[in-house]
Amino acid sequence: MKNYEAKKASYFATPSPQLVRALHTALTQILDKPLAERFARHREASDRIKKAVAELGLQQVAANPDDQAHGMTAMYLPESVKPTDILPILGKKGVVFAGGIHKEIASRYIRFGHMGVSVVSCASFAFIDSFEIYRLT
């Protein structure tokens, strides 16, 4: 790689044409609108999801709003509910949440990703329905 970066001829590896094409496609999709508009859309989706979480009476793992991401929300479950109980139910309804990854509290919370195409290509923010499904379980 050092030779490649220094523009010295040597064999490093043949880039995968599929990965190069996928990168081109992804960048084309990302840059088809101004980035400021894309970021604003992510903030708007994040705010709506965090509001839905609060309306369910759930607490976020990142309690300080300054520490919360705009692309993912992690929420504590009620003490009577375990991730292993709720994740399969949500999955059967077509909703993808993930279990916690912080070792000390992994059994107490779940995560919901809201980024990329799920935010910028959904005119109605239909994925907010995930929280209604949670409410019904």
N, C-alpha and C. Protein backbone atom coordinates (compact mmCIF):
# COMPACT_ATOMS: atom_id res chain seq x y z
N MET A 1 0.82 -1.19 0.00
CA MET A 1 0.00 0.00 0.00
C MET A 1 0.87 1.25 0.00
N LYS A 2 1.98 1.21 0.72
CA LYS A 2 2.87 2.38 0.76
C LYS A 2 3.39 2.69 -0.64
N ASN A 3 3.76 1.66 -1.40
CA ASN A 3 4.23 1.87 -2.77
C ASN A 3 3.12 2.48 -3.63
N TYR A 4 1.91 2.01 -3.44
CA TYR A 4 0.78 2.55 -4.21
C TYR A 4 0.59 4.03 -3.92
N GLU A 5 0.63 4.38 -2.64
CA GLU A 5 0.45 5.78 -2.25
C GLU A 5 1.61 6.65 -2.73
N ALA A 6 2.80 6.06 -2.83
CA ALA A 6 3.98 6.80 -3.29
C ALA A 6 4.09 6.79 -4.81
N LYS A 7 3.09 6.19 -5.48
CA LYS A 7 3.05 6.10 -6.95
C LYS A 7 4.20 5.28 -7.50
N LYS A 8 4.68 4.30 -6.74
CA LYS A 8 5.70 3.37 -7.20
C LYS A 8 5.01 2.12 -7.72
N ALA A 9 5.44 1.67 -8.87
CA ALA A 9 4.82 0.48 -9.46
C ALA A 9 5.13 -0.75 -8.62
N SER A 10 4.11 -1.41 -8.18
CA SER A 10 4.24 -2.69 -7.49
C SER A 10 2.83 -3.26 -7.38
N TYR A 11 2.75 -4.56 -7.14
CA TYR A 11 1.44 -5.19 -7.03
C TYR A 11 0.93 -5.07 -5.61
N PHE A 12 -0.27 -4.57 -5.45
CA PHE A 12 -0.89 -4.51 -4.13
C PHE A 12 -2.06 -5.48 -4.10
N ALA A 13 -3.05 -5.24 -4.89
CA ALA A 13 -4.21 -6.11 -5.01
C ALA A 13 -5.10 -5.55 -6.11
N THR A 14 -5.86 -6.41 -6.69
CA THR A 14 -6.82 -5.98 -7.70
C THR A 14 -8.10 -5.58 -6.99
N PRO A 15 -8.51 -4.32 -7.18
CA PRO A 15 -9.75 -3.92 -6.52
C PRO A 15 -10.93 -4.68 -7.11
N SER A 16 -11.86 -5.01 -6.28
CA SER A 16 -13.06 -5.71 -6.73
C SER A 16 -13.92 -4.76 -7.55
N PRO A 17 -14.19 -5.09 -8.82
CA PRO A 17 -15.05 -4.20 -9.63
C PRO A 17 -16.42 -3.99 -9.00
N GLN A 18 -16.95 -5.03 -8.34
CA GLN A 18 -18.26 -4.89 -7.71
C GLN A 18 -18.22 -3.87 -6.58
N LEU A 19 -17.13 -3.89 -5.79
CA LEU A 19 -17.03 -2.93 -4.69
C LEU A 19 -16.84 -1.51 -5.21
N VAL A 20 -16.06 -1.36 -6.27
CA VAL A 20 -15.86 -0.04 -6.85
C VAL A 20 -17.19 0.50 -7.39
N ARG A 21 -17.94 -0.36 -8.06
CA ARG A 21 -19.25 0.05 -8.60
C ARG A 21 -20.22 0.36 -7.46
N ALA A 22 -20.20 -0.45 -6.41
CA ALA A 22 -21.08 -0.21 -5.27
C ALA A 22 -20.74 1.13 -4.60
N LEU A 23 -19.44 1.42 -4.47
CA LEU A 23 -19.01 2.69 -3.90
C LEU A 23 -19.52 3.85 -4.76
N HIS A 24 -19.37 3.72 -6.07
CA HIS A 24 -19.85 4.76 -6.99
C HIS A 24 -21.36 4.98 -6.82
N THR A 25 -22.10 3.88 -6.76
CA THR A 25 -23.56 3.97 -6.61
C THR A 25 -23.93 4.63 -5.29
N ALA A 26 -23.27 4.21 -4.22
CA ALA A 26 -23.57 4.79 -2.90
C ALA A 26 -23.26 6.28 -2.86
N LEU A 27 -22.11 6.66 -3.39
CA LEU A 27 -21.74 8.09 -3.38
C LEU A 27 -22.68 8.90 -4.26
N THR A 28 -23.10 8.33 -5.38
CA THR A 28 -24.06 9.03 -6.25
C THR A 28 -25.36 9.27 -5.50
N GLN A 29 -25.84 8.26 -4.77
CA GLN A 29 -27.08 8.41 -4.01
C GLN A 29 -26.92 9.42 -2.88
N ILE A 30 -25.80 9.38 -2.19
CA ILE A 30 -25.56 10.30 -1.08
C ILE A 30 -25.48 11.74 -1.56
N LEU A 31 -24.84 11.95 -2.70
CA LEU A 31 -24.58 13.30 -3.17
C LEU A 31 -25.64 13.83 -4.13
N ASP A 32 -26.75 13.11 -4.32
CA ASP A 32 -27.76 13.58 -5.27
C ASP A 32 -28.52 14.80 -4.74
N LYS A 33 -28.42 15.07 -3.45
CA LYS A 33 -28.99 16.27 -2.84
C LYS A 33 -27.92 16.89 -1.96
N PRO A 34 -28.07 18.15 -1.62
CA PRO A 34 -27.06 18.78 -0.75
C PRO A 34 -26.94 18.03 0.59
N LEU A 35 -25.72 17.91 1.07
CA LEU A 35 -25.49 17.20 2.33
C LEU A 35 -26.24 17.85 3.49
N ALA A 36 -26.33 19.17 3.48
CA ALA A 36 -27.04 19.87 4.56
C ALA A 36 -28.50 19.38 4.64
N GLU A 37 -29.12 19.16 3.48
CA GLU A 37 -30.49 18.65 3.45
C GLU A 37 -30.55 17.23 4.00
N ARG A 38 -29.58 16.42 3.64
CA ARG A 38 -29.50 15.04 4.13
C ARG A 38 -29.33 15.01 5.66
N PHE A 39 -28.44 15.86 6.17
CA PHE A 39 -28.22 15.91 7.61
C PHE A 39 -29.48 16.38 8.34
N ALA A 40 -30.16 17.38 7.76
CA ALA A 40 -31.39 17.90 8.37
C ALA A 40 -32.45 16.80 8.43
N ARG A 41 -32.54 16.00 7.38
CA ARG A 41 -33.51 14.90 7.34
C ARG A 41 -33.21 13.87 8.45
N HIS A 42 -31.93 13.60 8.66
CA HIS A 42 -31.54 12.67 9.72
C HIS A 42 -31.88 13.25 11.10
N ARG A 43 -31.63 14.53 11.29
CA ARG A 43 -31.98 15.17 12.57
C ARG A 43 -33.48 15.11 12.81
N GLU A 44 -34.26 15.40 11.77
CA GLU A 44 -35.72 15.39 11.88
C GLU A 44 -36.22 13.98 12.25
N ALA A 45 -35.71 12.97 11.56
CA ALA A 45 -36.11 11.59 11.86
C ALA A 45 -35.70 11.22 13.28
N SER A 46 -34.51 11.59 13.67
CA SER A 46 -34.01 11.29 15.01
C SER A 46 -34.89 11.94 16.07
N ASP A 47 -35.25 13.18 15.86
CA ASP A 47 -36.10 13.88 16.82
C ASP A 47 -37.46 13.20 16.96
N ARG A 48 -38.03 12.76 15.84
CA ARG A 48 -39.34 12.09 15.87
C ARG A 48 -39.24 10.75 16.61
N ILE A 49 -38.18 10.02 16.36
CA ILE A 49 -38.01 8.72 17.01
C ILE A 49 -37.78 8.89 18.50
N LYS A 50 -36.93 9.83 18.86
CA LYS A 50 -36.66 10.06 20.28
C LYS A 50 -37.93 10.53 21.00
N LYS A 51 -38.77 11.28 20.31
CA LYS A 51 -40.05 11.70 20.88
C LYS A 51 -40.95 10.48 21.09
N ALA A 52 -40.98 9.58 20.09
CA ALA A 52 -41.79 8.36 20.22
C ALA A 52 -41.31 7.49 21.37
N VAL A 53 -40.00 7.41 21.55
CA VAL A 53 -39.43 6.64 22.67
C VAL A 53 -39.89 7.24 24.00
N ALA A 54 -39.81 8.56 24.11
CA ALA A 54 -40.23 9.24 25.34
C ALA A 54 -41.72 9.03 25.59
N GLU A 55 -42.54 9.07 24.52
CA GLU A 55 -43.98 8.87 24.69
C GLU A 55 -44.31 7.46 25.16
N LEU A 56 -43.44 6.50 24.85
CA LEU A 56 -43.63 5.14 25.36
C LEU A 56 -43.19 5.01 26.81
N GLY A 57 -42.61 6.07 27.35
CA GLY A 57 -42.13 6.04 28.72
C GLY A 57 -40.77 5.36 28.87
N LEU A 58 -40.06 5.20 27.77
CA LEU A 58 -38.75 4.55 27.81
C LEU A 58 -37.65 5.60 27.94
N GLN A 59 -36.59 5.22 28.62
CA GLN A 59 -35.43 6.11 28.78
C GLN A 59 -34.37 5.73 27.77
N GLN A 60 -33.68 6.73 27.25
CA GLN A 60 -32.57 6.46 26.34
C GLN A 60 -31.30 6.11 27.12
N VAL A 61 -30.49 5.28 26.52
CA VAL A 61 -29.21 4.93 27.16
C VAL A 61 -28.36 6.19 27.27
N ALA A 62 -28.30 6.98 26.22
CA ALA A 62 -27.59 8.26 26.26
C ALA A 62 -28.58 9.30 26.78
N ALA A 63 -28.56 9.54 28.08
CA ALA A 63 -29.54 10.42 28.71
C ALA A 63 -29.37 11.88 28.31
N ASN A 64 -28.13 12.30 28.07
CA ASN A 64 -27.84 13.69 27.71
C ASN A 64 -28.06 13.87 26.21
N PRO A 65 -28.97 14.76 25.79
CA PRO A 65 -29.21 14.97 24.36
C PRO A 65 -27.94 15.29 23.55
N ASP A 66 -26.97 15.91 24.16
CA ASP A 66 -25.73 16.22 23.46
C ASP A 66 -24.93 14.96 23.11
N ASP A 67 -25.23 13.86 23.79
CA ASP A 67 -24.53 12.60 23.56
C ASP A 67 -25.30 11.64 22.65
N GLN A 68 -26.47 12.04 22.18
CA GLN A 68 -27.31 11.16 21.39
C GLN A 68 -27.00 11.29 19.90
N ALA A 69 -26.96 10.16 19.23
CA ALA A 69 -26.69 10.13 17.79
C ALA A 69 -27.96 10.41 17.00
N HIS A 70 -27.79 10.90 15.77
CA HIS A 70 -28.93 11.13 14.89
C HIS A 70 -29.20 9.92 14.01
N GLY A 71 -28.40 8.88 14.10
CA GLY A 71 -28.59 7.72 13.25
C GLY A 71 -28.97 6.46 14.00
N MET A 72 -29.04 6.53 15.32
CA MET A 72 -29.37 5.34 16.11
C MET A 72 -29.87 5.79 17.47
N THR A 73 -30.86 5.07 17.97
CA THR A 73 -31.39 5.35 19.29
C THR A 73 -31.35 4.07 20.10
N ALA A 74 -30.78 4.15 21.28
CA ALA A 74 -30.71 3.01 22.21
C ALA A 74 -31.61 3.32 23.39
N MET A 75 -32.52 2.38 23.69
CA MET A 75 -33.47 2.63 24.75
C MET A 75 -33.52 1.48 25.74
N TYR A 76 -33.63 1.85 27.02
CA TYR A 76 -33.80 0.84 28.06
C TYR A 76 -35.20 0.25 27.94
N LEU A 77 -35.29 -1.05 28.19
CA LEU A 77 -36.58 -1.72 28.23
C LEU A 77 -37.13 -1.70 29.64
N PRO A 78 -38.44 -1.86 29.79
CA PRO A 78 -38.98 -2.02 31.15
C PRO A 78 -38.31 -3.24 31.79
N GLU A 79 -38.21 -3.24 33.12
CA GLU A 79 -37.52 -4.33 33.82
C GLU A 79 -38.12 -5.69 33.52
N SER A 80 -39.41 -5.74 33.21
CA SER A 80 -40.08 -7.01 32.96
C SER A 80 -39.85 -7.55 31.54
N VAL A 81 -39.20 -6.76 30.69
CA VAL A 81 -38.99 -7.15 29.29
C VAL A 81 -37.50 -7.30 29.02
N LYS A 82 -37.15 -8.40 28.39
CA LYS A 82 -35.75 -8.66 28.02
C LYS A 82 -35.62 -8.56 26.51
N PRO A 83 -34.46 -8.14 26.01
CA PRO A 83 -34.27 -8.08 24.56
C PRO A 83 -34.62 -9.41 23.87
N THR A 84 -34.28 -10.52 24.50
CA THR A 84 -34.56 -11.83 23.90
C THR A 84 -36.07 -12.11 23.83
N ASP A 85 -36.87 -11.37 24.60
CA ASP A 85 -38.32 -11.50 24.52
C ASP A 85 -38.89 -10.66 23.38
N ILE A 86 -38.43 -9.43 23.28
CA ILE A 86 -39.04 -8.47 22.35
C ILE A 86 -38.48 -8.52 20.93
N LEU A 87 -37.19 -8.80 20.77
CA LEU A 87 -36.59 -8.76 19.43
C LEU A 87 -37.23 -9.76 18.46
N PRO A 88 -37.51 -11.00 18.86
CA PRO A 88 -38.17 -11.91 17.92
C PRO A 88 -39.59 -11.47 17.55
N ILE A 89 -40.30 -10.88 18.50
CA ILE A 89 -41.66 -10.40 18.23
C ILE A 89 -41.61 -9.29 17.19
N LEU A 90 -40.70 -8.33 17.40
CA LEU A 90 -40.55 -7.24 16.44
C LEU A 90 -40.12 -7.77 15.08
N GLY A 91 -39.18 -8.72 15.09
CA GLY A 91 -38.68 -9.30 13.84
C GLY A 91 -39.78 -9.98 13.05
N LYS A 92 -40.67 -10.70 13.71
CA LYS A 92 -41.79 -11.36 13.02
C LYS A 92 -42.74 -10.36 12.39
N LYS A 93 -42.73 -9.14 12.92
CA LYS A 93 -43.59 -8.09 12.36
C LYS A 93 -42.84 -7.24 11.33
N GLY A 94 -41.62 -7.69 10.98
CA GLY A 94 -40.86 -7.00 9.95
C GLY A 94 -40.08 -5.79 10.43
N VAL A 95 -39.90 -5.67 11.74
CA VAL A 95 -39.20 -4.52 12.30
C VAL A 95 -37.86 -5.00 12.85
N VAL A 96 -36.79 -4.33 12.45
CA VAL A 96 -35.46 -4.75 12.86
C VAL A 96 -34.90 -3.81 13.93
N PHE A 97 -34.84 -4.33 15.13
CA PHE A 97 -34.13 -3.69 16.23
C PHE A 97 -32.94 -4.59 16.52
N ALA A 98 -32.02 -4.15 17.33
CA ALA A 98 -30.86 -4.97 17.69
C ALA A 98 -30.69 -4.94 19.20
N GLY A 99 -30.05 -5.98 19.71
CA GLY A 99 -29.77 -6.04 21.14
C GLY A 99 -28.65 -5.08 21.51
N GLY A 100 -28.49 -4.90 22.79
CA GLY A 100 -27.44 -4.01 23.29
C GLY A 100 -26.06 -4.62 23.12
N ILE A 101 -25.05 -3.76 23.09
CA ILE A 101 -23.68 -4.23 22.92
C ILE A 101 -22.77 -3.84 24.08
N HIS A 102 -23.24 -2.98 24.98
CA HIS A 102 -22.43 -2.62 26.15
C HIS A 102 -22.57 -3.72 27.19
N LYS A 103 -21.48 -4.40 27.47
CA LYS A 103 -21.51 -5.61 28.29
C LYS A 103 -22.27 -5.45 29.60
N GLU A 104 -22.05 -4.37 30.31
CA GLU A 104 -22.66 -4.21 31.64
C GLU A 104 -24.18 -4.05 31.59
N ILE A 105 -24.71 -3.55 30.48
CA ILE A 105 -26.15 -3.27 30.41
C ILE A 105 -26.82 -3.91 29.20
N ALA A 106 -26.14 -4.78 28.48
CA ALA A 106 -26.65 -5.35 27.23
C ALA A 106 -28.01 -6.03 27.39
N SER A 107 -28.29 -6.58 28.54
CA SER A 107 -29.56 -7.28 28.75
C SER A 107 -30.70 -6.34 29.12
N ARG A 108 -30.41 -5.05 29.14
CA ARG A 108 -31.44 -4.08 29.58
C ARG A 108 -31.91 -3.13 28.50
N TYR A 109 -31.30 -3.18 27.30
CA TYR A 109 -31.71 -2.21 26.28
C TYR A 109 -31.66 -2.81 24.88
N ILE A 110 -32.30 -2.09 23.94
CA ILE A 110 -32.26 -2.44 22.52
C ILE A 110 -31.90 -1.19 21.73
N ARG A 111 -31.51 -1.42 20.47
CA ARG A 111 -31.09 -0.31 19.61
C ARG A 111 -31.95 -0.29 18.34
N PHE A 112 -32.16 0.91 17.82
CA PHE A 112 -32.92 1.09 16.59
C PHE A 112 -32.13 2.02 15.68
N GLY A 113 -31.73 1.53 14.52
CA GLY A 113 -31.00 2.35 13.56
C GLY A 113 -31.96 3.09 12.65
N HIS A 114 -31.71 4.35 12.47
CA HIS A 114 -32.53 5.18 11.58
C HIS A 114 -31.57 6.10 10.82
N MET A 115 -31.10 5.58 9.69
CA MET A 115 -30.12 6.32 8.89
C MET A 115 -30.21 5.89 7.44
N GLY A 116 -29.57 6.66 6.61
CA GLY A 116 -29.50 6.31 5.20
C GLY A 116 -30.86 6.26 4.53
N VAL A 117 -31.05 5.22 3.72
CA VAL A 117 -32.25 5.12 2.90
C VAL A 117 -33.52 5.09 3.73
N SER A 118 -33.47 4.53 4.93
CA SER A 118 -34.68 4.48 5.77
C SER A 118 -35.14 5.86 6.19
N VAL A 119 -34.27 6.83 6.08
CA VAL A 119 -34.63 8.20 6.46
C VAL A 119 -34.84 9.08 5.23
N VAL A 120 -33.90 9.07 4.32
CA VAL A 120 -33.95 10.03 3.21
C VAL A 120 -34.88 9.60 2.08
N SER A 121 -35.22 8.32 2.00
CA SER A 121 -36.08 7.87 0.91
C SER A 121 -37.51 7.59 1.35
N CYS A 122 -37.81 7.73 2.61
CA CYS A 122 -39.16 7.48 3.12
C CYS A 122 -39.85 8.82 3.34
N ALA A 123 -40.70 9.18 2.41
CA ALA A 123 -41.35 10.48 2.49
C ALA A 123 -42.21 10.63 3.74
N SER A 124 -42.76 9.54 4.23
CA SER A 124 -43.71 9.64 5.34
C SER A 124 -43.13 9.22 6.69
N PHE A 125 -41.85 8.88 6.74
CA PHE A 125 -41.27 8.36 7.97
C PHE A 125 -42.08 7.17 8.49
N ALA A 126 -42.46 6.28 7.58
CA ALA A 126 -43.30 5.14 7.94
C ALA A 126 -42.64 4.26 9.00
N PHE A 127 -41.32 4.31 9.12
CA PHE A 127 -40.64 3.45 10.08
C PHE A 127 -40.97 3.83 11.52
N ILE A 128 -41.57 4.97 11.74
CA ILE A 128 -42.00 5.35 13.09
C ILE A 128 -43.02 4.32 13.59
N ASP A 129 -43.70 3.64 12.66
CA ASP A 129 -44.67 2.61 13.05
C ASP A 129 -44.02 1.52 13.89
N SER A 130 -42.72 1.38 13.80
CA SER A 130 -42.02 0.38 14.62
C SER A 130 -42.35 0.58 16.08
N PHE A 131 -42.48 1.80 16.50
CA PHE A 131 -42.75 2.07 17.90
C PHE A 131 -44.18 1.76 18.25
N GLU A 132 -45.09 1.90 17.29
CA GLU A 132 -46.46 1.48 17.53
C GLU A 132 -46.52 -0.03 17.68
N ILE A 133 -45.74 -0.75 16.88
CA ILE A 133 -45.69 -2.20 17.01
C ILE A 133 -45.15 -2.57 18.39
N TYR A 134 -44.12 -1.86 18.85
CA TYR A 134 -43.57 -2.13 20.19
C TYR A 134 -44.66 -1.93 21.23
N ARG A 135 -45.44 -0.88 21.09
CA ARG A 135 -46.50 -0.56 22.06
C ARG A 135 -47.52 -1.70 22.12
N LEU A 136 -47.75 -2.37 21.00
CA LEU A 136 -48.76 -3.42 20.92
C LEU A 136 -48.28 -4.76 21.43
N THR A 137 -46.95 -4.91 21.65
CA THR A 137 -46.44 -6.21 22.07
C THR A 137 -46.57 -6.41 23.56
